[in-house]
PDB file of N, CA and C in Angstrom:
ATOM      1  N   UNK A   1      -0.588   2.753  30.391  1.00  0.00           N
ATOM      2  CA  UNK A   1       0.384   3.070  29.567  1.00  0.00           C
ATOM      3  C   UNK A   1      -0.007   3.983  28.226  1.00  0.00           C
ATOM      4  N   UNK A   2       0.937   4.840  27.921  1.00  0.00           N
ATOM      5  CA  UNK A   2       0.420   5.804  26.928  1.00  0.00           C
ATOM      6  C   UNK A   2       0.513   5.069  25.559  1.00  0.00           C
ATOM      7  N   UNK A   3      -0.330   5.578  24.669  1.00  0.00           N
ATOM      8  CA  UNK A   3      -0.301   5.017  23.240  1.00  0.00           C
ATOM      9  C   UNK A   3       0.832   5.531  22.409  1.00  0.00           C
ATOM     10  N   UNK A   4       1.692   4.767  21.680  1.00  0.00           N
ATOM     11  CA  UNK A   4       2.728   5.359  20.876  1.00  0.00           C
ATOM     12  C   UNK A   4       2.167   5.584  19.446  1.00  0.00           C
ATOM     13  N   UNK A   5       2.233   6.720  19.153  1.00  0.00           N
ATOM     14  CA  UNK A   5       1.648   7.113  17.802  1.00  0.00           C
ATOM     15  C   UNK A   5       2.866   7.470  16.839  1.00  0.00           C
ATOM     16  N   UNK A   6       2.799   7.091  15.553  1.00  0.00           N
ATOM     17  CA  UNK A   6       3.713   7.355  14.576  1.00  0.00           C
ATOM     18  C   UNK A   6       4.791   6.516  14.355  1.00  0.00           C
ATOM     19  N   UNK A   7       5.048   5.591  15.330  1.00  0.00           N
ATOM     20  CA  UNK A   7       6.043   4.671  15.152  1.00  0.00           C
ATOM     21  C   UNK A   7       5.670   3.417  14.335  1.00  0.00           C
ATOM     22  N   UNK A   8       4.670   2.831  14.526  1.00  0.00           N
ATOM     23  CA  UNK A   8       4.263   1.768  13.763  1.00  0.00           C
ATOM     24  C   UNK A   8       2.740   2.081  13.171  1.00  0.00           C
ATOM     25  N   UNK A   9       2.789   2.243  11.729  1.00  0.00           N
ATOM     26  CA  UNK A   9       1.618   2.488  11.014  1.00  0.00           C
ATOM     27  C   UNK A   9       0.880   1.195  10.606  1.00  0.00           C
ATOM     28  N   UNK A  10      -0.413   1.014  10.870  1.00  0.00           N
ATOM     29  CA  UNK A  10      -0.895  -0.373  10.537  1.00  0.00           C
ATOM     30  C   UNK A  10      -1.324  -0.364   8.935  1.00  0.00           C
ATOM     31  N   UNK A  11      -1.589  -1.335   8.356  1.00  0.00           N
ATOM     32  CA  UNK A  11      -1.779  -1.321   6.947  1.00  0.00           C
ATOM     33  C   UNK A  11      -2.927  -0.392   6.401  1.00  0.00           C
ATOM     34  N   UNK A  12      -3.888  -0.237   7.230  1.00  0.00           N
ATOM     35  CA  UNK A  12      -5.138   0.496   7.046  1.00  0.00           C
ATOM     36  C   UNK A  12      -4.648   1.874   6.792  1.00  0.00           C
ATOM     37  N   UNK A  13      -3.534   2.333   7.411  1.00  0.00           N
ATOM     38  CA  UNK A  13      -2.990   3.704   6.999  1.00  0.00           C
ATOM     39  C   UNK A  13      -2.652   3.697   5.630  1.00  0.00           C
ATOM     40  N   UNK A  14      -1.783   2.703   5.102  1.00  0.00           N
ATOM     41  CA  UNK A  14      -1.252   2.621   3.883  1.00  0.00           C
ATOM     42  C   UNK A  14      -2.451   2.649   2.890  1.00  0.00           C
ATOM     43  N   UNK A  15      -3.478   1.828   3.011  1.00  0.00           N
ATOM     44  CA  UNK A  15      -4.653   1.986   2.240  1.00  0.00           C
ATOM     45  C   UNK A  15      -5.481   3.143   2.233  1.00  0.00           C
ATOM     46  N   UNK A  16      -5.379   3.824   3.478  1.00  0.00           N
ATOM     47  CA  UNK A  16      -6.046   5.036   3.421  1.00  0.00           C
ATOM     48  C   UNK A  16      -5.378   6.166   2.670  1.00  0.00           C
ATOM     49  N   UNK A  17      -4.184   6.138   2.618  1.00  0.00           N
ATOM     50  CA  UNK A  17      -3.244   7.088   1.854  1.00  0.00           C
ATOM     51  C   UNK A  17      -3.613   6.903   0.454  1.00  0.00           C
ATOM     52  N   UNK A  18      -3.686   5.657  -0.088  1.00  0.00           N
ATOM     53  CA  UNK A  18      -3.956   5.273  -1.459  1.00  0.00           C
ATOM     54  C   UNK A  18      -5.285   5.910  -1.759  1.00  0.00           C
ATOM     55  N   UNK A  19      -6.198   5.582  -0.877  1.00  0.00           N
ATOM     56  CA  UNK A  19      -7.706   5.990  -1.241  1.00  0.00           C
ATOM     57  C   UNK A  19      -7.758   7.503  -1.429  1.00  0.00           C
ATOM     58  N   UNK A  20      -7.166   8.245  -0.373  1.00  0.00           N
ATOM     59  CA  UNK A  20      -7.383   9.674  -0.298  1.00  0.00           C
ATOM     60  C   UNK A  20      -6.615  10.262  -1.630  1.00  0.00           C
ATOM     61  N   UNK A  21      -5.399   9.879  -1.980  1.00  0.00           N
ATOM     62  CA  UNK A  21      -4.596  10.232  -3.151  1.00  0.00           C
ATOM     63  C   UNK A  21      -5.453   9.994  -4.431  1.00  0.00           C
ATOM     64  N   UNK A  22      -6.210   8.892  -4.575  1.00  0.00           N
ATOM     65  CA  UNK A  22      -6.818   8.714  -5.959  1.00  0.00           C
ATOM     66  C   UNK A  22      -8.158   9.329  -5.833  1.00  0.00           C
ATOM     67  N   UNK A  23      -8.924   9.528  -4.718  1.00  0.00           N
ATOM     68  CA  UNK A  23     -10.195  10.107  -4.741  1.00  0.00           C
ATOM     69  C   UNK A  23     -10.125  11.423  -5.107  1.00  0.00           C
ATOM     70  N   UNK A  24      -9.013  12.266  -4.767  1.00  0.00           N
ATOM     71  CA  UNK A  24      -8.901  13.586  -5.161  1.00  0.00           C
ATOM     72  C   UNK A  24      -8.633  13.838  -6.557  1.00  0.00           C
ATOM     73  N   UNK A  25      -8.397  12.867  -7.437  1.00  0.00           N
ATOM     74  CA  UNK A  25      -7.902  12.854  -8.806  1.00  0.00           C
ATOM     75  C   UNK A  25      -9.177  12.429  -9.677  1.00  0.00           C
ATOM     76  N   UNK A  26     -10.406  12.312  -9.163  1.00  0.00           N
ATOM     77  CA  UNK A  26     -11.613  11.803  -9.805  1.00  0.00           C
ATOM     78  C   UNK A  26     -11.258  10.537 -10.514  1.00  0.00           C
ATOM     79  N   UNK A  27     -10.668   9.471  -9.953  1.00  0.00           N
ATOM     80  CA  UNK A  27     -10.384   8.455 -10.626  1.00  0.00           C
ATOM     81  C   UNK A  27     -11.455   7.286 -10.103  1.00  0.00           C
ATOM     82  N   UNK A  28     -11.611   6.306 -10.993  1.00  0.00           N
ATOM     83  CA  UNK A  28     -12.478   5.055 -10.640  1.00  0.00           C
ATOM     84  C   UNK A  28     -11.617   3.980 -10.279  1.00  0.00           C
ATOM     85  N   UNK A  29     -11.853   3.272  -9.088  1.00  0.00           N
ATOM     86  CA  UNK A  29     -10.752   2.221  -8.823  1.00  0.00           C
ATOM     87  C   UNK A  29     -11.318   1.421  -7.786  1.00  0.00           C
ATOM     88  N   UNK A  30     -10.529   0.182  -7.875  1.00  0.00           N
ATOM     89  CA  UNK A  30     -10.892  -0.642  -6.843  1.00  0.00           C
ATOM     90  C   UNK A  30      -9.460  -1.106  -6.157  1.00  0.00           C
ATOM     91  N   UNK A  31      -9.678  -1.693  -4.946  1.00  0.00           N
ATOM     92  CA  UNK A  31      -8.395  -2.165  -4.185  1.00  0.00           C
ATOM     93  C   UNK A  31      -8.712  -3.632  -3.758  1.00  0.00           C
ATOM     94  N   UNK A  32      -7.840  -4.486  -4.087  1.00  0.00           N
ATOM     95  CA  UNK A  32      -8.068  -5.957  -3.836  1.00  0.00           C
ATOM     96  C   UNK A  32      -7.067  -6.468  -2.833  1.00  0.00           C
ATOM     97  N   UNK A  33      -7.224  -7.523  -2.146  1.00  0.00           N
ATOM     98  CA  UNK A  33      -6.221  -8.258  -1.383  1.00  0.00           C
ATOM     99  C   UNK A  33      -5.511  -9.421  -2.150  1.00  0.00           C
ATOM    100  N   UNK A  34      -4.328  -9.172  -2.410  1.00  0.00           N
ATOM    101  CA  UNK A  34      -3.551 -10.132  -3.091  1.00  0.00           C
ATOM    102  C   UNK A  34      -3.060 -11.400  -2.382  1.00  0.00           C
ATOM    103  N   UNK A  35      -3.520 -11.442  -0.987  1.00  0.00           N
ATOM    104  CA  UNK A  35      -3.200 -12.500  -0.087  1.00  0.00           C
ATOM    105  C   UNK A  35      -4.152 -13.599  -0.139  1.00  0.00           C
ATOM    106  N   UNK A  36      -5.457 -13.278  -0.753  1.00  0.00           N
ATOM    107  CA  UNK A  36      -6.382 -14.258  -0.726  1.00  0.00           C
ATOM    108  C   UNK A  36      -6.690 -14.871  -1.988  1.00  0.00           C
ATOM    109  N   UNK A  37      -7.341 -15.986  -2.115  1.00  0.00           N
ATOM    110  CA  UNK A  37      -7.591 -16.708  -3.471  1.00  0.00           C
ATOM    111  C   UNK A  37      -8.520 -15.615  -4.231  1.00  0.00           C
ATOM    112  N   UNK A  38      -8.281 -15.526  -5.610  1.00  0.00           N
ATOM    113  CA  UNK A  38      -8.984 -14.723  -6.486  1.00  0.00           C
ATOM    114  C   UNK A  38      -8.790 -13.094  -6.196  1.00  0.00           C
ATOM    115  N   UNK A  39      -7.802 -12.795  -5.319  1.00  0.00           N
ATOM    116  CA  UNK A  39      -7.679 -11.404  -5.033  1.00  0.00           C
ATOM    117  C   UNK A  39      -9.111 -10.633  -4.704  1.00  0.00           C
ATOM    118  N   UNK A  40      -9.665 -10.804  -3.715  1.00  0.00           N
ATOM    119  CA  UNK A  40     -10.908 -10.339  -3.494  1.00  0.00           C
ATOM    120  C   UNK A  40     -10.890  -8.795  -3.349  1.00  0.00           C
ATOM    121  N   UNK A  41     -11.914  -8.165  -3.797  1.00  0.00           N
ATOM    122  CA  UNK A  41     -11.931  -6.595  -3.784  1.00  0.00           C
ATOM    123  C   UNK A  41     -12.239  -6.360  -2.242  1.00  0.00           C
ATOM    124  N   UNK A  42     -11.516  -5.518  -1.676  1.00  0.00           N
ATOM    125  CA  UNK A  42     -11.747  -4.940  -0.374  1.00  0.00           C
ATOM    126  C   UNK A  42     -12.256  -3.470  -0.306  1.00  0.00           C
ATOM    127  N   UNK A  43     -12.229  -2.701  -1.482  1.00  0.00           N
ATOM    128  CA  UNK A  43     -12.597  -1.348  -1.528  1.00  0.00           C
ATOM    129  C   UNK A  43     -12.792  -0.989  -2.994  1.00  0.00           C
ATOM    130  N   UNK A  44     -13.950  -0.241  -3.094  1.00  0.00           N
ATOM    131  CA  UNK A  44     -14.153   0.317  -4.390  1.00  0.00           C
ATOM    132  C   UNK A  44     -14.723   1.799  -4.233  1.00  0.00           C
ATOM    133  N   UNK A  45     -14.407   2.685  -4.857  1.00  0.00           N
ATOM    134  CA  UNK A  45     -14.768   4.137  -4.541  1.00  0.00           C
ATOM    135  C   UNK A  45     -16.090   4.302  -5.335  1.00  0.00           C
ATOM    136  N   UNK A  46     -16.791   5.479  -4.999  1.00  0.00           N
ATOM    137  CA  UNK A  46     -18.025   5.774  -5.583  1.00  0.00           C
ATOM    138  C   UNK A  46     -17.934   5.938  -6.943  1.00  0.00           C
ATOM    139  N   UNK A  47     -16.889   6.443  -7.565  1.00  0.00           N
ATOM    140  CA  UNK A  47     -16.936   6.625  -9.052  1.00  0.00           C
ATOM    141  C   UNK A  47     -17.074   5.255  -9.817  1.00  0.00           C
ATOM    142  N   UNK A  48     -16.250   4.182  -9.180  1.00  0.00           N
ATOM    143  CA  UNK A  48     -16.315   2.869  -9.863  1.00  0.00           C
ATOM    144  C   UNK A  48     -17.921   2.360  -9.789  1.00  0.00           C
ATOM    145  N   UNK A  49     -18.521   2.588  -8.687  1.00  0.00           N
ATOM    146  CA  UNK A  49     -19.853   2.214  -8.517  1.00  0.00           C
ATOM    147  C   UNK A  49     -20.831   2.850  -9.514  1.00  0.00           C
ATOM    148  N   UNK A  50     -20.527   4.376  -9.606  1.00  0.00           N
ATOM    149  CA  UNK A  50     -21.262   4.894 -10.554  1.00  0.00           C
ATOM    150  C   UNK A  50     -21.048   4.454 -12.036  1.00  0.00           C
ATOM    151  N   UNK A  51     -19.785   4.152 -12.391  1.00  0.00           N
ATOM    152  CA  UNK A  51     -19.608   3.798 -13.582  1.00  0.00           C
ATOM    153  C   UNK A  51     -20.049   2.596 -14.092  1.00  0.00           C
ATOM    154  N   UNK A  52     -20.106   1.476 -13.068  1.00  0.00           N
ATOM    155  CA  UNK A  52     -20.579   0.283 -13.473  1.00  0.00           C
ATOM    156  C   UNK A  52     -22.037  -0.135 -13.124  1.00  0.00           C
ATOM    157  N   UNK A  53     -22.637   0.771 -12.372  1.00  0.00           N
ATOM    158  CA  UNK A  53     -24.113   0.509 -12.055  1.00  0.00           C
ATOM    159  C   UNK A  53     -24.207  -0.458 -10.704  1.00  0.00           C
ATOM    160  N   UNK A  54     -23.012  -0.977 -10.232  1.00  0.00           N
ATOM    161  CA  UNK A  54     -23.249  -1.900  -9.109  1.00  0.00           C
ATOM    162  C   UNK A  54     -23.037  -0.982  -7.866  1.00  0.00           C
ATOM    163  N   UNK A  55     -23.672  -1.567  -6.738  1.00  0.00           N
ATOM    164  CA  UNK A  55     -23.582  -0.844  -5.428  1.00  0.00           C
ATOM    165  C   UNK A  55     -22.260  -1.409  -4.818  1.00  0.00           C
ATOM    166  N   UNK A  56     -21.692  -0.811  -3.729  1.00  0.00           N
ATOM    167  CA  UNK A  56     -20.447  -1.274  -3.044  1.00  0.00           C
ATOM    168  C   UNK A  56     -20.701  -2.621  -2.527  1.00  0.00           C
ATOM    169  N   UNK A  57     -21.837  -2.981  -1.913  1.00  0.00           N
ATOM    170  CA  UNK A  57     -21.866  -4.477  -1.454  1.00  0.00           C
ATOM    171  C   UNK A  57     -21.915  -5.426  -2.537  1.00  0.00           C
ATOM    172  N   UNK A  58     -22.418  -5.052  -3.740  1.00  0.00           N
ATOM    173  CA  UNK A  58     -22.492  -6.131  -4.702  1.00  0.00           C
ATOM    174  C   UNK A  58     -21.217  -6.368  -5.314  1.00  0.00           C
ATOM    175  N   UNK A  59     -20.114  -5.212  -5.180  1.00  0.00           N
ATOM    176  CA  UNK A  59     -18.751  -5.302  -5.694  1.00  0.00           C
ATOM    177  C   UNK A  59     -17.905  -6.148  -4.724  1.00  0.00           C
ATOM    178  N   UNK A  60     -17.952  -5.794  -3.381  1.00  0.00           N
ATOM    179  CA  UNK A  60     -17.148  -6.313  -2.432  1.00  0.00           C
ATOM    180  C   UNK A  60     -17.154  -7.765  -2.301  1.00  0.00           C
ATOM    181  N   UNK A  61     -15.722  -8.131  -2.274  1.00  0.00           N
ATOM    182  CA  UNK A  61     -15.526  -9.590  -2.171  1.00  0.00           C
ATOM    183  C   UNK A  61     -15.477 -10.485  -3.423  1.00  0.00           C
ATOM    184  N   UNK A  62     -15.684  -9.681  -4.487  1.00  0.00           N
ATOM    185  CA  UNK A  62     -15.662 -10.362  -5.858  1.00  0.00           C
ATOM    186  C   UNK A  62     -14.289 -10.255  -6.301  1.00  0.00           C
ATOM    187  N   UNK A  63     -13.845 -11.224  -7.259  1.00  0.00           N
ATOM    188  CA  UNK A  63     -12.436 -11.301  -7.646  1.00  0.00           C
ATOM    189  C   UNK A  63     -12.115  -9.815  -8.401  1.00  0.00           C
ATOM    190  N   UNK A  64     -10.895  -9.360  -8.185  1.00  0.00           N
ATOM    191  CA  UNK A  64     -10.498  -8.212  -8.894  1.00  0.00           C
ATOM    192  C   UNK A  64     -10.325  -8.316 -10.309  1.00  0.00           C
ATOM    193  N   UNK A  65     -10.252  -9.443 -10.917  1.00  0.00           N
ATOM    194  CA  UNK A  65     -10.338  -9.728 -12.291  1.00  0.00           C
ATOM    195  C   UNK A  65     -11.657  -9.094 -13.129  1.00  0.00           C
ATOM    196  N   UNK A  66     -12.673  -8.770 -12.110  1.00  0.00           N
ATOM    197  CA  UNK A  66     -13.933  -8.136 -12.546  1.00  0.00           C
ATOM    198  C   UNK A  66     -14.723  -8.975 -13.470  1.00  0.00           C
ATOM    199  N   UNK A  67     -14.619 -10.323 -13.215  1.00  0.00           N
ATOM    200  CA  UNK A  67     -15.473 -11.240 -14.133  1.00  0.00           C
ATOM    201  C   UNK A  67     -16.969 -10.802 -14.285  1.00  0.00           C
ATOM    202  N   UNK A  68     -17.425 -10.082 -13.124  1.00  0.00           N
ATOM    203  CA  UNK A  68     -18.841  -9.797 -13.176  1.00  0.00           C
ATOM    204  C   UNK A  68     -19.112  -8.497 -14.202  1.00  0.00           C
ATOM    205  N   UNK A  69     -18.050  -7.984 -14.819  1.00  0.00           N
ATOM    206  CA  UNK A  69     -18.236  -6.873 -15.647  1.00  0.00           C
ATOM    207  C   UNK A  69     -18.041  -7.480 -17.158  1.00  0.00           C
ATOM    208  N   UNK A  70     -17.713  -8.669 -17.295  1.00  0.00           N
ATOM    209  CA  UNK A  70     -17.506  -9.169 -18.565  1.00  0.00           C
ATOM    210  C   UNK A  70     -18.869  -9.423 -19.353  1.00  0.00           C
ATOM    211  N   UNK A  71     -18.762  -9.175 -20.712  1.00  0.00           N
ATOM    212  CA  UNK A  71     -19.880  -9.267 -21.322  1.00  0.00           C
ATOM    213  C   UNK A  71     -19.621  -9.691 -22.820  1.00  0.00           C
ATOM    214  N   UNK A  72     -20.519  -9.540 -23.793  1.00  0.00           N
ATOM    215  CA  UNK A  72     -20.410 -10.103 -25.265  1.00  0.00           C
ATOM    216  C   UNK A  72     -19.204  -9.336 -25.783  1.00  0.00           C
ATOM    217  N   UNK A  73     -18.961  -8.140 -25.599  1.00  0.00           N
ATOM    218  CA  UNK A  73     -17.961  -7.355 -26.218  1.00  0.00           C
ATOM    219  C   UNK A  73     -16.620  -7.320 -25.527  1.00  0.00           C
ATOM    220  N   UNK A  74     -16.412  -8.140 -24.408  1.00  0.00           N
ATOM    221  CA  UNK A  74     -15.172  -8.224 -23.729  1.00  0.00           C
ATOM    222  C   UNK A  74     -14.262  -9.157 -24.446  1.00  0.00           C
ATOM    223  N   UNK A  75     -13.140  -8.572 -24.779  1.00  0.00           N
ATOM    224  CA  UNK A  75     -12.100  -9.499 -25.493  1.00  0.00           C
ATOM    225  C   UNK A  75     -11.501 -10.421 -24.610  1.00  0.00           C
ATOM    226  N   UNK A  76     -11.561 -11.789 -24.868  1.00  0.00           N
ATOM    227  CA  UNK A  76     -10.977 -12.834 -24.092  1.00  0.00           C
ATOM    228  C   UNK A  76      -9.514 -12.649 -23.820  1.00  0.00           C
ATOM    229  N   UNK A  77      -8.756 -12.277 -24.921  1.00  0.00           N
ATOM    230  CA  UNK A  77      -7.215 -12.095 -24.878  1.00  0.00           C
ATOM    231  C   UNK A  77      -7.064 -10.838 -23.783  1.00  0.00           C
ATOM    232  N   UNK A  78      -7.862  -9.791 -23.774  1.00  0.00           N
ATOM    233  CA  UNK A  78      -7.605  -8.795 -22.717  1.00  0.00           C
ATOM    234  C   UNK A  78      -7.864  -9.410 -21.372  1.00  0.00           C
ATOM    235  N   UNK A  79      -8.913 -10.367 -21.131  1.00  0.00           N
ATOM    236  CA  UNK A  79      -9.140 -10.871 -19.924  1.00  0.00           C
ATOM    237  C   UNK A  79      -7.980 -11.737 -19.422  1.00  0.00           C
ATOM    238  N   UNK A  80      -7.353 -12.554 -20.311  1.00  0.00           N
ATOM    239  CA  UNK A  80      -6.306 -13.413 -20.037  1.00  0.00           C
ATOM    240  C   UNK A  80      -4.988 -12.504 -19.585  1.00  0.00           C
ATOM    241  N   UNK A  81      -4.836 -11.179 -20.296  1.00  0.00           N
ATOM    242  CA  UNK A  81      -3.727 -10.258 -19.960  1.00  0.00           C
ATOM    243  C   UNK A  81      -3.958  -9.913 -18.485  1.00  0.00           C
ATOM    244  N   UNK A  82      -5.248  -9.454 -18.045  1.00  0.00           N
ATOM    245  CA  UNK A  82      -5.488  -8.959 -16.835  1.00  0.00           C
ATOM    246  C   UNK A  82      -5.135 -10.162 -15.815  1.00  0.00           C
ATOM    247  N   UNK A  83      -5.640 -11.393 -15.963  1.00  0.00           N
ATOM    248  CA  UNK A  83      -5.298 -12.556 -15.080  1.00  0.00           C
ATOM    249  C   UNK A  83      -3.772 -12.778 -14.909  1.00  0.00           C
ATOM    250  N   UNK A  84      -3.055 -12.753 -16.044  1.00  0.00           N
ATOM    251  CA  UNK A  84      -1.555 -12.844 -16.181  1.00  0.00           C
ATOM    252  C   UNK A  84      -0.893 -11.848 -15.336  1.00  0.00           C
ATOM    253  N   UNK A  85      -1.316 -10.574 -15.361  1.00  0.00           N
ATOM    254  CA  UNK A  85      -0.713  -9.420 -14.728  1.00  0.00           C
ATOM    255  C   UNK A  85      -0.834  -9.653 -13.226  1.00  0.00           C
ATOM    256  N   UNK A  86      -2.019 -10.090 -12.825  1.00  0.00           N
ATOM    257  CA  UNK A  86      -2.293 -10.189 -11.467  1.00  0.00           C
ATOM    258  C   UNK A  86      -1.451 -11.520 -10.760  1.00  0.00           C
ATOM    259  N   UNK A  87      -1.350 -12.430 -11.648  1.00  0.00           N
ATOM    260  CA  UNK A  87      -0.497 -13.686 -11.171  1.00  0.00           C
ATOM    261  C   UNK A  87       0.898 -13.214 -11.107  1.00  0.00           C
ATOM    262  N   UNK A  88       1.417 -12.686 -11.927  1.00  0.00           N
ATOM    263  CA  UNK A  88       2.779 -12.038 -12.049  1.00  0.00           C
ATOM    264  C   UNK A  88       3.184 -10.875 -11.263  1.00  0.00           C
ATOM    265  N   UNK A  89       2.135 -10.307 -10.579  1.00  0.00           N
ATOM    266  CA  UNK A  89       2.352  -9.108  -9.678  1.00  0.00           C
ATOM    267  C   UNK A  89       3.284  -8.097 -10.474  1.00  0.00           C
ATOM    268  N   UNK A  90       2.806  -7.634 -11.598  1.00  0.00           N
ATOM    269  CA  UNK A  90       3.530  -6.712 -12.462  1.00  0.00           C
ATOM    270  C   UNK A  90       2.568  -5.534 -12.869  1.00  0.00           C
ATOM    271  N   UNK A  91       3.141  -4.476 -13.258  1.00  0.00           N
ATOM    272  CA  UNK A  91       2.416  -3.366 -13.627  1.00  0.00           C
ATOM    273  C   UNK A  91       2.065  -3.674 -15.030  1.00  0.00           C
ATOM    274  N   UNK A  92       0.815  -3.601 -15.620  1.00  0.00           N
ATOM    275  CA  UNK A  92       0.519  -3.832 -17.072  1.00  0.00           C
ATOM    276  C   UNK A  92      -0.688  -2.866 -17.344  1.00  0.00           C
ATOM    277  N   UNK A  93      -0.720  -2.326 -18.517  1.00  0.00           N
ATOM    278  CA  UNK A  93      -1.823  -1.370 -19.029  1.00  0.00           C
ATOM    279  C   UNK A  93      -2.515  -2.383 -20.077  1.00  0.00           C
ATOM    280  N   UNK A  94      -3.972  -2.597 -19.815  1.00  0.00           N
ATOM    281  CA  UNK A  94      -4.624  -3.362 -20.716  1.00  0.00           C
ATOM    282  C   UNK A  94      -5.823  -2.623 -21.094  1.00  0.00           C
ATOM    283  N   UNK A  95      -6.184  -2.592 -22.465  1.00  0.00           N
ATOM    284  CA  UNK A  95      -7.496  -1.895 -22.924  1.00  0.00           C
ATOM    285  C   UNK A  95      -8.536  -3.040 -22.872  1.00  0.00           C
ATOM    286  N   UNK A  96      -9.562  -2.945 -22.215  1.00  0.00           N
ATOM    287  CA  UNK A  96     -10.601  -3.992 -22.035  1.00  0.00           C
ATOM    288  C   UNK A  96     -11.940  -3.376 -22.070  1.00  0.00           C
ATOM    289  N   UNK A  97     -12.911  -3.879 -22.603  1.00  0.00           N
ATOM    290  CA  UNK A  97     -14.351  -3.635 -22.553  1.00  0.00           C
ATOM    291  C   UNK A  97     -15.050  -4.143 -21.529  1.00  0.00           C
ATOM    292  N   UNK A  98     -15.523  -3.359 -20.573  1.00  0.00           N
ATOM    293  CA  UNK A  98     -16.420  -3.870 -19.526  1.00  0.00           C
ATOM    294  C   UNK A  98     -17.816  -3.510 -19.631  1.00  0.00           C
ATOM    295  N   UNK A  99     -18.865  -4.187 -19.130  1.00  0.00           N
ATOM    296  CA  UNK A  99     -20.258  -3.770 -19.269  1.00  0.00           C
ATOM    297  C   UNK A  99     -20.662  -3.503 -18.012  1.00  0.00           C
ATOM    298  N   UNK A 100     -21.770  -2.683 -17.963  1.00  0.00           N
ATOM    299  CA  UNK A 100     -22.462  -2.177 -16.836  1.00  0.00           C
ATOM    300  C   UNK A 100     -23.207  -3.288 -16.366  1.00  0.00           C
ATOM    301  N   UNK A 101     -24.035  -3.071 -15.122  1.00  0.00           N
ATOM    302  CA  UNK A 101     -24.735  -3.949 -14.562  1.00  0.00           C
ATOM    303  C   UNK A 101     -25.993  -4.240 -15.249  1.00  0.00           C
ATOM    304  N   UNK A 102     -26.537  -3.225 -16.110  1.00  0.00           N
ATOM    305  CA  UNK A 102     -27.663  -3.293 -16.980  1.00  0.00           C
ATOM    306  C   UNK A 102     -27.275  -4.110 -18.373  1.00  0.00           C
ATOM    307  N   UNK A 103     -25.943  -4.434 -18.465  1.00  0.00           N
ATOM    308  CA  UNK A 103     -25.501  -4.978 -19.753  1.00  0.00           C
ATOM    309  C   UNK A 103     -25.058  -4.120 -20.840  1.00  0.00           C
ATOM    310  N   UNK A 104     -25.195  -2.736 -20.601  1.00  0.00           N
ATOM    311  CA  UNK A 104     -24.765  -1.782 -21.462  1.00  0.00           C
ATOM    312  C   UNK A 104     -23.214  -1.676 -21.446  1.00  0.00           C
ATOM    313  N   UNK A 105     -22.622  -1.467 -22.605  1.00  0.00           N
ATOM    314  CA  UNK A 105     -21.145  -1.551 -22.703  1.00  0.00           C
ATOM    315  C   UNK A 105     -20.643  -0.209 -23.019  1.00  0.00           C
ATOM    316  N   UNK A 106     -21.519   0.801 -23.311  1.00  0.00           N
ATOM    317  CA  UNK A 106     -21.265   2.215 -23.657  1.00  0.00           C
ATOM    318  C   UNK A 106     -20.368   2.880 -22.461  1.00  0.00           C
ATOM    319  N   UNK A 107     -19.297   3.456 -22.964  1.00  0.00           N
ATOM    320  CA  UNK A 107     -18.462   4.230 -21.958  1.00  0.00           C
ATOM    321  C   UNK A 107     -17.638   3.427 -20.983  1.00  0.00           C
ATOM    322  N   UNK A 108     -17.704   2.063 -21.006  1.00  0.00           N
ATOM    323  CA  UNK A 108     -16.847   1.347 -20.231  1.00  0.00           C
ATOM    324  C   UNK A 108     -15.644   0.681 -20.929  1.00  0.00           C
ATOM    325  N   UNK A 109     -15.319   1.119 -22.226  1.00  0.00           N
ATOM    326  CA  UNK A 109     -14.270   0.614 -22.623  1.00  0.00           C
ATOM    327  C   UNK A 109     -12.999   1.541 -22.127  1.00  0.00           C
ATOM    328  N   UNK A 110     -12.143   0.886 -21.336  1.00  0.00           N
ATOM    329  CA  UNK A 110     -11.145   1.619 -20.533  1.00  0.00           C
ATOM    330  C   UNK A 110      -9.858   0.977 -20.495  1.00  0.00           C
ATOM    331  N   UNK A 111      -8.850   1.664 -20.165  1.00  0.00           N
ATOM    332  CA  UNK A 111      -7.554   1.306 -19.845  1.00  0.00           C
ATOM    333  C   UNK A 111      -7.435   0.904 -18.508  1.00  0.00           C
ATOM    334  N   UNK A 112      -6.987  -0.324 -18.179  1.00  0.00           N
ATOM    335  CA  UNK A 112      -6.895  -0.875 -16.971  1.00  0.00           C
ATOM    336  C   UNK A 112      -5.386  -0.732 -16.399  1.00  0.00           C
ATOM    337  N   UNK A 113      -5.009  -0.202 -15.366  1.00  0.00           N
ATOM    338  CA  UNK A 113      -3.668  -0.330 -14.918  1.00  0.00           C
ATOM    339  C   UNK A 113      -3.689  -0.907 -13.677  1.00  0.00           C
ATOM    340  N   UNK A 114      -2.877  -1.973 -13.492  1.00  0.00           N
ATOM    341  CA  UNK A 114      -2.946  -2.780 -12.386  1.00  0.00           C
ATOM    342  C   UNK A 114      -1.375  -2.651 -11.561  1.00  0.00           C
ATOM    343  N   UNK A 115      -1.406  -2.421 -10.272  1.00  0.00           N
ATOM    344  CA  UNK A 115      -0.202  -2.632  -9.511  1.00  0.00           C
ATOM    345  C   UNK A 115      -0.600  -3.652  -8.411  1.00  0.00           C
ATOM    346  N   UNK A 116       0.304  -4.472  -8.158  1.00  0.00           N
ATOM    347  CA  UNK A 116       0.129  -5.417  -7.085  1.00  0.00           C
ATOM    348  C   UNK A 116       1.220  -5.181  -6.098  1.00  0.00           C
ATOM    349  N   UNK A 117       0.686  -4.939  -4.817  1.00  0.00           N
ATOM    350  CA  UNK A 117       1.634  -4.894  -3.586  1.00  0.00           C
ATOM    351  C   UNK A 117       1.334  -6.147  -2.707  1.00  0.00           C
ATOM    352  N   UNK A 118       2.396  -6.646  -2.131  1.00  0.00           N
ATOM    353  CA  UNK A 118       2.048  -7.625  -1.163  1.00  0.00           C
ATOM    354  C   UNK A 118       2.310  -6.927   0.129  1.00  0.00           C
ATOM    355  N   UNK A 119       1.152  -6.831   0.952  1.00  0.00           N
ATOM    356  CA  UNK A 119       1.245  -6.076   2.161  1.00  0.00           C
ATOM    357  C   UNK A 119       1.449  -7.017   3.191  1.00  0.00           C
ATOM    358  N   UNK A 120       2.533  -6.828   4.073  1.00  0.00           N
ATOM    359  CA  UNK A 120       2.693  -7.672   5.216  1.00  0.00           C
ATOM    360  C   UNK A 120       2.299  -7.280   6.499  1.00  0.00           C
TER     361      UNK A 120
END
């Protein structure tokens, strides 16, 4: 039986489109699964790994709230805003200070933009 192409696109195609679109813009990003507890990270690009000092295996399956990047200069109010945006599945811009793997915070004060999609 011939394979039907183009009629039904698997979810991986959708994620692939997102990855290709943002990779070309020199962005640093992660993609997480909103259907599992703690919204586990399922993809992080090379730019994100370089920025944080973590390798891809270190980042994968961690919560997308990026608790592993919190440090002494991370504002707890900003952390709460990130968590609230993820729970509410809403777009929100939050300015937050994250720390590299070596504890350094220089260059990681960033604006985080979150979008939540529920993929079926």
